[in-house]
């Protein structure tokens, strides 16, 4: 089971993330709806019993973590996006659920 969400900032930057539940987890919680505004660091959901989240960034992003780093949702800065304008919030522009 997986959930794919696209978050678009006020400056037009997009971040796509995929919540992917493993064979044992099979339970994804995702609260926002299309059009909801999100704040930086806001928790949007979780995968019960583990699995993974893939984050897809624009090629111009400056990645701040490396393979093997332990990250924590809502507090670890994964990357810095190239600013087009100063923006502190974004909104969910697409959600796709797949089994």
PDB file of N, CA and C in Angstrom:
ATOM      1  N   UNK A   1       0.847  -1.168   0.000  1.00  0.00           N
ATOM      2  CA  UNK A   1       0.000   0.000   0.000  1.00  0.00           C
ATOM      3  C   UNK A   1       0.895   1.234   0.000  1.00  0.00           C
ATOM      4  N   UNK A   2       0.501   2.274  -0.727  1.00  0.00           N
ATOM      5  CA  UNK A   2       1.267   3.519  -0.723  1.00  0.00           C
ATOM      6  C   UNK A   2       0.353   4.716  -0.926  1.00  0.00           C
ATOM      7  N   UNK A   3       0.867   5.850  -0.525  1.00  0.00           N
ATOM      8  CA  UNK A   3       0.161   7.113  -0.642  1.00  0.00           C
ATOM      9  C   UNK A   3       1.158   8.106  -1.227  1.00  0.00           C
ATOM     10  N   UNK A   4       0.795   8.794  -2.296  1.00  0.00           N
ATOM     11  CA  UNK A   4       1.684   9.766  -2.928  1.00  0.00           C
ATOM     12  C   UNK A   4       1.030  11.140  -2.810  1.00  0.00           C
ATOM     13  N   UNK A   5       1.763  12.113  -2.249  1.00  0.00           N
ATOM     14  CA  UNK A   5       1.226  13.469  -2.085  1.00  0.00           C
ATOM     15  C   UNK A   5       2.189  14.480  -2.686  1.00  0.00           C
ATOM     16  N   UNK A   6       1.645  15.498  -3.311  1.00  0.00           N
ATOM     17  CA  UNK A   6       2.425  16.611  -3.843  1.00  0.00           C
ATOM     18  C   UNK A   6       2.083  17.846  -3.028  1.00  0.00           C
ATOM     19  N   UNK A   7       3.106  18.483  -2.466  1.00  0.00           N
ATOM     20  CA  UNK A   7       2.918  19.715  -1.706  1.00  0.00           C
ATOM     21  C   UNK A   7       3.566  20.837  -2.506  1.00  0.00           C
ATOM     22  N   UNK A   8       2.790  21.874  -2.782  1.00  0.00           N
ATOM     23  CA  UNK A   8       3.281  22.999  -3.575  1.00  0.00           C
ATOM     24  C   UNK A   8       3.314  24.244  -2.714  1.00  0.00           C
ATOM     25  N   UNK A   9       4.494  24.877  -2.665  1.00  0.00           N
ATOM     26  CA  UNK A   9       4.668  26.092  -1.879  1.00  0.00           C
ATOM     27  C   UNK A   9       4.090  27.301  -2.580  1.00  0.00           C
ATOM     28  N   UNK A  10       3.950  28.379  -1.839  1.00  0.00           N
ATOM     29  CA  UNK A  10       3.445  29.625  -2.410  1.00  0.00           C
ATOM     30  C   UNK A  10       4.353  30.136  -3.526  1.00  0.00           C
ATOM     31  N   UNK A  11       5.621  29.721  -3.489  1.00  0.00           N
ATOM     32  CA  UNK A  11       6.586  30.168  -4.500  1.00  0.00           C
ATOM     33  C   UNK A  11       6.635  29.242  -5.713  1.00  0.00           C
ATOM     34  N   UNK A  12       5.777  28.218  -5.753  1.00  0.00           N
ATOM     35  CA  UNK A  12       5.730  27.312  -6.896  1.00  0.00           C
ATOM     36  C   UNK A  12       6.605  26.083  -6.755  1.00  0.00           C
ATOM     37  N   UNK A  13       7.448  26.024  -5.737  1.00  0.00           N
ATOM     38  CA  UNK A  13       8.279  24.839  -5.520  1.00  0.00           C
ATOM     39  C   UNK A  13       7.391  23.671  -5.132  1.00  0.00           C
ATOM     40  N   UNK A  14       7.747  22.484  -5.600  1.00  0.00           N
ATOM     41  CA  UNK A  14       6.979  21.284  -5.286  1.00  0.00           C
ATOM     42  C   UNK A  14       7.860  20.243  -4.613  1.00  0.00           C
ATOM     43  N   UNK A  15       7.275  19.555  -3.660  1.00  0.00           N
ATOM     44  CA  UNK A  15       7.909  18.405  -3.029  1.00  0.00           C
ATOM     45  C   UNK A  15       6.891  17.273  -3.098  1.00  0.00           C
ATOM     46  N   UNK A  16       7.331  16.146  -3.592  1.00  0.00           N
ATOM     47  CA  UNK A  16       6.467  14.976  -3.689  1.00  0.00           C
ATOM     48  C   UNK A  16       6.979  13.966  -2.676  1.00  0.00           C
ATOM     49  N   UNK A  17       6.072  13.383  -1.904  1.00  0.00           N
ATOM     50  CA  UNK A  17       6.520  12.324  -1.025  1.00  0.00           C
ATOM     51  C   UNK A  17       5.591  11.139  -1.118  1.00  0.00           C
ATOM     52  N   UNK A  18       6.203   9.967  -0.967  1.00  0.00           N
ATOM     53  CA  UNK A  18       5.478   8.705  -1.068  1.00  0.00           C
ATOM     54  C   UNK A  18       5.589   7.988   0.267  1.00  0.00           C
ATOM     55  N   UNK A  19       4.460   7.687   0.865  1.00  0.00           N
ATOM     56  CA  UNK A  19       4.426   6.860   2.068  1.00  0.00           C
ATOM     57  C   UNK A  19       4.215   5.432   1.574  1.00  0.00           C
ATOM     58  N   UNK A  20       5.155   4.561   1.885  1.00  0.00           N
ATOM     59  CA  UNK A  20       5.097   3.196   1.388  1.00  0.00           C
ATOM     60  C   UNK A  20       5.075   2.234   2.567  1.00  0.00           C
ATOM     61  N   UNK A  21       3.980   1.522   2.705  1.00  0.00           N
ATOM     62  CA  UNK A  21       3.831   0.573   3.807  1.00  0.00           C
ATOM     63  C   UNK A  21       4.354  -0.789   3.376  1.00  0.00           C
ATOM     64  N   UNK A  22       5.095  -1.431   4.251  1.00  0.00           N
ATOM     65  CA  UNK A  22       5.624  -2.761   3.968  1.00  0.00           C
ATOM     66  C   UNK A  22       4.562  -3.831   4.125  1.00  0.00           C
ATOM     67  N   UNK A  23       4.977  -5.076   3.963  1.00  0.00           N
ATOM     68  CA  UNK A  23       4.039  -6.196   4.039  1.00  0.00           C
ATOM     69  C   UNK A  23       3.369  -6.307   5.394  1.00  0.00           C
ATOM     70  N   UNK A  24       4.094  -6.008   6.464  1.00  0.00           N
ATOM     71  CA  UNK A  24       3.520  -6.128   7.797  1.00  0.00           C
ATOM     72  C   UNK A  24       2.738  -4.888   8.224  1.00  0.00           C
ATOM     73  N   UNK A  25       3.153  -3.711   7.768  1.00  0.00           N
ATOM     74  CA  UNK A  25       2.513  -2.466   8.219  1.00  0.00           C
ATOM     75  C   UNK A  25       1.106  -2.342   7.652  1.00  0.00           C
ATOM     76  N   UNK A  26       1.000  -2.225   6.360  1.00  0.00           N
ATOM     77  CA  UNK A  26      -0.282  -2.127   5.663  1.00  0.00           C
ATOM     78  C   UNK A  26      -1.236  -1.107   6.239  1.00  0.00           C
ATOM     79  N   UNK A  27      -0.719  -0.081   6.900  1.00  0.00           N
ATOM     80  CA  UNK A  27      -1.602   0.929   7.474  1.00  0.00           C
ATOM     81  C   UNK A  27      -0.949   2.298   7.344  1.00  0.00           C
ATOM     82  N   UNK A  28      -1.463   3.119   6.453  1.00  0.00           N
ATOM     83  CA  UNK A  28      -0.963   4.474   6.256  1.00  0.00           C
ATOM     84  C   UNK A  28      -2.019   5.444   6.769  1.00  0.00           C
ATOM     85  N   UNK A  29      -1.591   6.421   7.566  1.00  0.00           N
ATOM     86  CA  UNK A  29      -2.482   7.474   8.041  1.00  0.00           C
ATOM     87  C   UNK A  29      -2.024   8.764   7.369  1.00  0.00           C
ATOM     88  N   UNK A  30      -2.929   9.443   6.661  1.00  0.00           N
ATOM     89  CA  UNK A  30      -2.617  10.705   5.996  1.00  0.00           C
ATOM     90  C   UNK A  30      -3.810  11.620   6.180  1.00  0.00           C
ATOM     91  N   UNK A  31      -3.629  12.717   6.899  1.00  0.00           N
ATOM     92  CA  UNK A  31      -4.747  13.565   7.296  1.00  0.00           C
ATOM     93  C   UNK A  31      -5.122  14.691   6.336  1.00  0.00           C
ATOM     94  N   UNK A  32      -4.178  15.385   5.675  1.00  0.00           N
ATOM     95  CA  UNK A  32      -4.566  16.523   4.830  1.00  0.00           C
ATOM     96  C   UNK A  32      -5.388  16.126   3.605  1.00  0.00           C
ATOM     97  N   UNK A  33      -6.152  17.071   3.145  1.00  0.00           N
ATOM     98  CA  UNK A  33      -6.939  16.917   1.919  1.00  0.00           C
ATOM     99  C   UNK A  33      -6.407  17.907   0.885  1.00  0.00           C
ATOM    100  N   UNK A  34      -6.718  17.693  -0.387  1.00  0.00           N
ATOM    101  CA  UNK A  34      -6.289  18.604  -1.447  1.00  0.00           C
ATOM    102  C   UNK A  34      -6.760  20.008  -1.106  1.00  0.00           C
ATOM    103  N   UNK A  35      -5.856  20.974  -1.171  1.00  0.00           N
ATOM    104  CA  UNK A  35      -6.168  22.364  -0.874  1.00  0.00           C
ATOM    105  C   UNK A  35      -5.844  22.784   0.549  1.00  0.00           C
ATOM    106  N   UNK A  36      -5.624  21.823   1.461  1.00  0.00           N
ATOM    107  CA  UNK A  36      -5.263  22.171   2.840  1.00  0.00           C
ATOM    108  C   UNK A  36      -3.903  22.869   2.867  1.00  0.00           C
ATOM    109  N   UNK A  37      -3.774  23.862   3.734  1.00  0.00           N
ATOM    110  CA  UNK A  37      -2.505  24.561   3.924  1.00  0.00           C
ATOM    111  C   UNK A  37      -1.687  23.836   4.973  1.00  0.00           C
ATOM    112  N   UNK A  38      -0.411  23.693   4.706  1.00  0.00           N
ATOM    113  CA  UNK A  38       0.504  23.023   5.623  1.00  0.00           C
ATOM    114  C   UNK A  38       1.582  23.998   6.060  1.00  0.00           C
ATOM    115  N   UNK A  39       2.017  23.881   7.301  1.00  0.00           N
ATOM    116  CA  UNK A  39       3.103  24.709   7.815  1.00  0.00           C
ATOM    117  C   UNK A  39       4.376  23.895   7.859  1.00  0.00           C
ATOM    118  N   UNK A  40       5.493  24.574   7.746  1.00  0.00           N
ATOM    119  CA  UNK A  40       6.792  23.923   7.805  1.00  0.00           C
ATOM    120  C   UNK A  40       6.897  23.103   9.091  1.00  0.00           C
ATOM    121  N   UNK A  41       7.291  21.835   8.968  1.00  0.00           N
ATOM    122  CA  UNK A  41       7.455  20.966  10.126  1.00  0.00           C
ATOM    123  C   UNK A  41       6.186  20.302  10.612  1.00  0.00           C
ATOM    124  N   UNK A  42       5.067  20.605   9.985  1.00  0.00           N
ATOM    125  CA  UNK A  42       3.786  20.039  10.412  1.00  0.00           C
ATOM    126  C   UNK A  42       3.738  18.545  10.118  1.00  0.00           C
ATOM    127  N   UNK A  43       3.246  17.765  11.074  1.00  0.00           N
ATOM    128  CA  UNK A  43       3.062  16.326  10.870  1.00  0.00           C
ATOM    129  C   UNK A  43       1.803  16.122  10.036  1.00  0.00           C
ATOM    130  N   UNK A  44       1.920  15.324   8.972  1.00  0.00           N
ATOM    131  CA  UNK A  44       0.777  15.113   8.084  1.00  0.00           C
ATOM    132  C   UNK A  44       0.247  13.694   8.129  1.00  0.00           C
ATOM    133  N   UNK A  45       0.979  12.790   8.733  1.00  0.00           N
ATOM    134  CA  UNK A  45       0.523  11.412   8.793  1.00  0.00           C
ATOM    135  C   UNK A  45       1.610  10.509   9.318  1.00  0.00           C
ATOM    136  N   UNK A  46       1.375   9.219   9.194  1.00  0.00           N
ATOM    137  CA  UNK A  46       2.358   8.248   9.646  1.00  0.00           C
ATOM    138  C   UNK A  46       2.063   6.897   9.012  1.00  0.00           C
ATOM    139  N   UNK A  47       3.062   6.030   9.082  1.00  0.00           N
ATOM    140  CA  UNK A  47       2.883   4.656   8.658  1.00  0.00           C
ATOM    141  C   UNK A  47       3.026   3.821   9.919  1.00  0.00           C
ATOM    142  N   UNK A  48       1.993   3.148  10.291  1.00  0.00           N
ATOM    143  CA  UNK A  48       2.058   2.347  11.513  1.00  0.00           C
ATOM    144  C   UNK A  48       2.960   1.142  11.288  1.00  0.00           C
ATOM    145  N   UNK A  49       3.772   0.850  12.273  1.00  0.00           N
ATOM    146  CA  UNK A  49       4.692  -0.283  12.252  1.00  0.00           C
ATOM    147  C   UNK A  49       5.816  -0.138  11.234  1.00  0.00           C
ATOM    148  N   UNK A  50       6.201   1.085  10.914  1.00  0.00           N
ATOM    149  CA  UNK A  50       7.400   1.274  10.106  1.00  0.00           C
ATOM    150  C   UNK A  50       7.167   1.486   8.633  1.00  0.00           C
ATOM    151  N   UNK A  51       8.030   0.919   7.823  1.00  0.00           N
ATOM    152  CA  UNK A  51       8.108   1.052   6.373  1.00  0.00           C
ATOM    153  C   UNK A  51       8.890   2.298   6.014  1.00  0.00           C
ATOM    154  N   UNK A  52       8.516   3.033   4.960  1.00  0.00           N
ATOM    155  CA  UNK A  52       9.384   4.125   4.537  1.00  0.00           C
ATOM    156  C   UNK A  52       8.608   5.250   3.880  1.00  0.00           C
ATOM    157  N   UNK A  53       9.301   6.372   3.744  1.00  0.00           N
ATOM    158  CA  UNK A  53       8.776   7.522   3.014  1.00  0.00           C
ATOM    159  C   UNK A  53       9.856   7.947   2.026  1.00  0.00           C
ATOM    160  N   UNK A  54       9.513   8.029   0.743  1.00  0.00           N
ATOM    161  CA  UNK A  54      10.411   8.545  -0.281  1.00  0.00           C
ATOM    162  C   UNK A  54      10.056   9.999  -0.513  1.00  0.00           C
ATOM    163  N   UNK A  55      11.066  10.862  -0.584  1.00  0.00           N
ATOM    164  CA  UNK A  55      10.856  12.287  -0.828  1.00  0.00           C
ATOM    165  C   UNK A  55      11.488  12.620  -2.174  1.00  0.00           C
ATOM    166  N   UNK A  56      10.692  13.210  -3.080  1.00  0.00           N
ATOM    167  CA  UNK A  56      11.165  13.567  -4.412  1.00  0.00           C
ATOM    168  C   UNK A  56      11.287  15.083  -4.469  1.00  0.00           C
ATOM    169  N   UNK A  57      12.513  15.557  -4.736  1.00  0.00           N
ATOM    170  CA  UNK A  57      12.801  16.988  -4.770  1.00  0.00           C
ATOM    171  C   UNK A  57      13.213  17.422  -6.162  1.00  0.00           C
ATOM    172  N   UNK A  58      13.128  18.711  -6.428  1.00  0.00           N
ATOM    173  CA  UNK A  58      13.620  19.288  -7.668  1.00  0.00           C
ATOM    174  C   UNK A  58      15.140  19.089  -7.736  1.00  0.00           C
ATOM    175  N   UNK A  59      15.669  18.950  -8.931  1.00  0.00           N
ATOM    176  CA  UNK A  59      17.110  18.717  -9.109  1.00  0.00           C
ATOM    177  C   UNK A  59      17.960  19.855  -8.550  1.00  0.00           C
ATOM    178  N   UNK A  60      17.391  21.033  -8.404  1.00  0.00           N
ATOM    179  CA  UNK A  60      18.151  22.177  -7.883  1.00  0.00           C
ATOM    180  C   UNK A  60      18.238  22.188  -6.357  1.00  0.00           C
ATOM    181  N   UNK A  61      17.555  21.267  -5.691  1.00  0.00           N
ATOM    182  CA  UNK A  61      17.562  21.226  -4.220  1.00  0.00           C
ATOM    183  C   UNK A  61      18.966  20.893  -3.712  1.00  0.00           C
ATOM    184  N   UNK A  62      19.353  21.515  -2.592  1.00  0.00           N
ATOM    185  CA  UNK A  62      20.637  21.223  -1.945  1.00  0.00           C
ATOM    186  C   UNK A  62      20.345  20.269  -0.788  1.00  0.00           C
ATOM    187  N   UNK A  63      20.710  19.001  -0.984  1.00  0.00           N
ATOM    188  CA  UNK A  63      20.398  17.956  -0.008  1.00  0.00           C
ATOM    189  C   UNK A  63      21.268  18.124   1.235  1.00  0.00           C
ATOM    190  N   UNK A  64      20.650  18.001   2.401  1.00  0.00           N
ATOM    191  CA  UNK A  64      21.302  18.252   3.685  1.00  0.00           C
ATOM    192  C   UNK A  64      21.584  16.962   4.470  1.00  0.00           C
ATOM    193  N   UNK A  65      21.183  15.805   3.949  1.00  0.00           N
ATOM    194  CA  UNK A  65      21.411  14.529   4.628  1.00  0.00           C
ATOM    195  C   UNK A  65      22.132  13.586   3.666  1.00  0.00           C
ATOM    196  N   UNK A  66      22.685  12.523   4.228  1.00  0.00           N
ATOM    197  CA  UNK A  66      23.377  11.545   3.383  1.00  0.00           C
ATOM    198  C   UNK A  66      22.908  10.140   3.740  1.00  0.00           C
ATOM    199  N   UNK A  67      23.235   9.195   2.913  1.00  0.00           N
ATOM    200  CA  UNK A  67      22.854   7.807   3.153  1.00  0.00           C
ATOM    201  C   UNK A  67      23.392   7.372   4.512  1.00  0.00           C
ATOM    202  N   UNK A  68      22.533   6.737   5.277  1.00  0.00           N
ATOM    203  CA  UNK A  68      22.906   6.251   6.598  1.00  0.00           C
ATOM    204  C   UNK A  68      22.542   7.182   7.732  1.00  0.00           C
ATOM    205  N   UNK A  69      22.203   8.441   7.420  1.00  0.00           N
ATOM    206  CA  UNK A  69      21.786   9.380   8.468  1.00  0.00           C
ATOM    207  C   UNK A  69      20.443   8.944   9.045  1.00  0.00           C
ATOM    208  N   UNK A  70      20.267   9.165  10.338  1.00  0.00           N
ATOM    209  CA  UNK A  70      18.973   8.939  10.980  1.00  0.00           C
ATOM    210  C   UNK A  70      18.230  10.267  10.979  1.00  0.00           C
ATOM    211  N   UNK A  71      17.032  10.269  10.438  1.00  0.00           N
ATOM    212  CA  UNK A  71      16.244  11.494  10.359  1.00  0.00           C
ATOM    213  C   UNK A  71      14.989  11.342  11.195  1.00  0.00           C
ATOM    214  N   UNK A  72      14.441  12.474  11.615  1.00  0.00           N
ATOM    215  CA  UNK A  72      13.216  12.466  12.415  1.00  0.00           C
ATOM    216  C   UNK A  72      12.217  13.418  11.764  1.00  0.00           C
ATOM    217  N   UNK A  73      11.023  12.896  11.489  1.00  0.00           N
ATOM    218  CA  UNK A  73       9.972  13.686  10.862  1.00  0.00           C
ATOM    219  C   UNK A  73       9.642  14.936  11.654  1.00  0.00           C
ATOM    220  N   UNK A  74       9.535  16.055  10.961  1.00  0.00           N
ATOM    221  CA  UNK A  74       9.160  17.307  11.606  1.00  0.00           C
ATOM    222  C   UNK A  74      10.325  18.082  12.194  1.00  0.00           C
ATOM    223  N   UNK A  75      11.526  17.480  12.247  1.00  0.00           N
ATOM    224  CA  UNK A  75      12.645  18.221  12.834  1.00  0.00           C
ATOM    225  C   UNK A  75      13.931  18.167  12.005  1.00  0.00           C
ATOM    226  N   UNK A  76      14.146  17.112  11.229  1.00  0.00           N
ATOM    227  CA  UNK A  76      15.350  17.023  10.409  1.00  0.00           C
ATOM    228  C   UNK A  76      15.135  17.780   9.102  1.00  0.00           C
ATOM    229  N   UNK A  77      16.065  18.657   8.763  1.00  0.00           N
ATOM    230  CA  UNK A  77      16.004  19.367   7.481  1.00  0.00           C
ATOM    231  C   UNK A  77      16.626  18.458   6.429  1.00  0.00           C
ATOM    232  N   UNK A  78      15.798  17.987   5.495  1.00  0.00           N
ATOM    233  CA  UNK A  78      16.277  17.072   4.467  1.00  0.00           C
ATOM    234  C   UNK A  78      17.027  17.795   3.360  1.00  0.00           C
ATOM    235  N   UNK A  79      16.522  18.962   2.959  1.00  0.00           N
ATOM    236  CA  UNK A  79      17.125  19.689   1.843  1.00  0.00           C
ATOM    237  C   UNK A  79      16.686  21.140   1.875  1.00  0.00           C
ATOM    238  N   UNK A  80      17.440  21.956   1.164  1.00  0.00           N
ATOM    239  CA  UNK A  80      17.088  23.364   0.976  1.00  0.00           C
ATOM    240  C   UNK A  80      16.702  23.547  -0.479  1.00  0.00           C
ATOM    241  N   UNK A  81      15.514  24.103  -0.705  1.00  0.00           N
ATOM    242  CA  UNK A  81      15.042  24.358  -2.059  1.00  0.00           C
ATOM    243  C   UNK A  81      15.514  25.727  -2.505  1.00  0.00           C
ATOM    244  N   UNK A  82      15.741  25.878  -3.790  1.00  0.00           N
ATOM    245  CA  UNK A  82      16.137  27.170  -4.330  1.00  0.00           C
ATOM    246  C   UNK A  82      14.957  28.119  -4.207  1.00  0.00           C
ATOM    247  N   UNK A  83      15.111  29.226  -3.477  1.00  0.00           N
ATOM    248  CA  UNK A  83      13.973  30.133  -3.277  1.00  0.00           C
ATOM    249  C   UNK A  83      13.619  30.904  -4.544  1.00  0.00           C
ATOM    250  N   UNK A  84      12.341  30.973  -4.817  1.00  0.00           N
ATOM    251  CA  UNK A  84      11.829  31.846  -5.878  1.00  0.00           C
ATOM    252  C   UNK A  84      11.267  33.086  -5.232  1.00  0.00           C
ATOM    253  N   UNK A  85      10.629  32.891  -4.077  1.00  0.00           N
ATOM    254  CA  UNK A  85      10.122  33.944  -3.201  1.00  0.00           C
ATOM    255  C   UNK A  85      10.199  33.378  -1.802  1.00  0.00           C
ATOM    256  N   UNK A  86      10.129  34.209  -0.805  1.00  0.00           N
ATOM    257  CA  UNK A  86      10.116  33.712   0.562  1.00  0.00           C
ATOM    258  C   UNK A  86       8.732  33.162   0.868  1.00  0.00           C
ATOM    259  N   UNK A  87       8.691  31.918   1.314  1.00  0.00           N
ATOM    260  CA  UNK A  87       7.410  31.292   1.643  1.00  0.00           C
ATOM    261  C   UNK A  87       7.605  30.384   2.839  1.00  0.00           C
ATOM    262  N   UNK A  88       6.655  30.358   3.727  1.00  0.00           N
ATOM    263  CA  UNK A  88       6.762  29.509   4.906  1.00  0.00           C
ATOM    264  C   UNK A  88       5.690  28.436   4.937  1.00  0.00           C
ATOM    265  N   UNK A  89       4.815  28.437   3.950  1.00  0.00           N
ATOM    266  CA  UNK A  89       3.723  27.463   3.953  1.00  0.00           C
ATOM    267  C   UNK A  89       3.503  26.942   2.559  1.00  0.00           C
ATOM    268  N   UNK A  90       2.707  25.912   2.469  1.00  0.00           N
ATOM    269  CA  UNK A  90       2.358  25.337   1.178  1.00  0.00           C
ATOM    270  C   UNK A  90       1.006  24.680   1.307  1.00  0.00           C
ATOM    271  N   UNK A  91       0.523  24.165   0.177  1.00  0.00           N
ATOM    272  CA  UNK A  91      -0.753  23.475   0.227  1.00  0.00           C
ATOM    273  C   UNK A  91      -0.648  22.155  -0.533  1.00  0.00           C
ATOM    274  N   UNK A  92      -1.466  21.222  -0.145  1.00  0.00           N
ATOM    275  CA  UNK A  92      -1.495  19.923  -0.795  1.00  0.00           C
ATOM    276  C   UNK A  92      -2.192  20.100  -2.135  1.00  0.00           C
ATOM    277  N   UNK A  93      -1.501  19.737  -3.225  1.00  0.00           N
ATOM    278  CA  UNK A  93      -2.108  19.945  -4.534  1.00  0.00           C
ATOM    279  C   UNK A  93      -2.552  18.639  -5.186  1.00  0.00           C
ATOM    280  N   UNK A  94      -2.076  17.509  -4.704  1.00  0.00           N
ATOM    281  CA  UNK A  94      -2.513  16.232  -5.275  1.00  0.00           C
ATOM    282  C   UNK A  94      -2.271  15.116  -4.280  1.00  0.00           C
ATOM    283  N   UNK A  95      -3.168  14.157  -4.270  1.00  0.00           N
ATOM    284  CA  UNK A  95      -3.036  12.979  -3.418  1.00  0.00           C
ATOM    285  C   UNK A  95      -3.441  11.765  -4.259  1.00  0.00           C
ATOM    286  N   UNK A  96      -2.621  10.738  -4.219  1.00  0.00           N
ATOM    287  CA  UNK A  96      -2.930   9.525  -4.941  1.00  0.00           C
ATOM    288  C   UNK A  96      -2.725   8.345  -3.996  1.00  0.00           C
ATOM    289  N   UNK A  97      -3.706   7.482  -3.902  1.00  0.00           N
ATOM    290  CA  UNK A  97      -3.580   6.291  -3.065  1.00  0.00           C
ATOM    291  C   UNK A  97      -3.538   5.071  -3.973  1.00  0.00           C
ATOM    292  N   UNK A  98      -2.651   4.164  -3.653  1.00  0.00           N
ATOM    293  CA  UNK A  98      -2.529   2.932  -4.423  1.00  0.00           C
ATOM    294  C   UNK A  98      -2.394   1.753  -3.482  1.00  0.00           C
ATOM    295  N   UNK A  99      -2.839   0.621  -3.892  1.00  0.00           N
ATOM    296  CA  UNK A  99      -2.729  -0.586  -3.044  1.00  0.00           C
ATOM    297  C   UNK A  99      -1.734  -1.532  -3.619  1.00  0.00           C
TER     298      UNK A  99
END
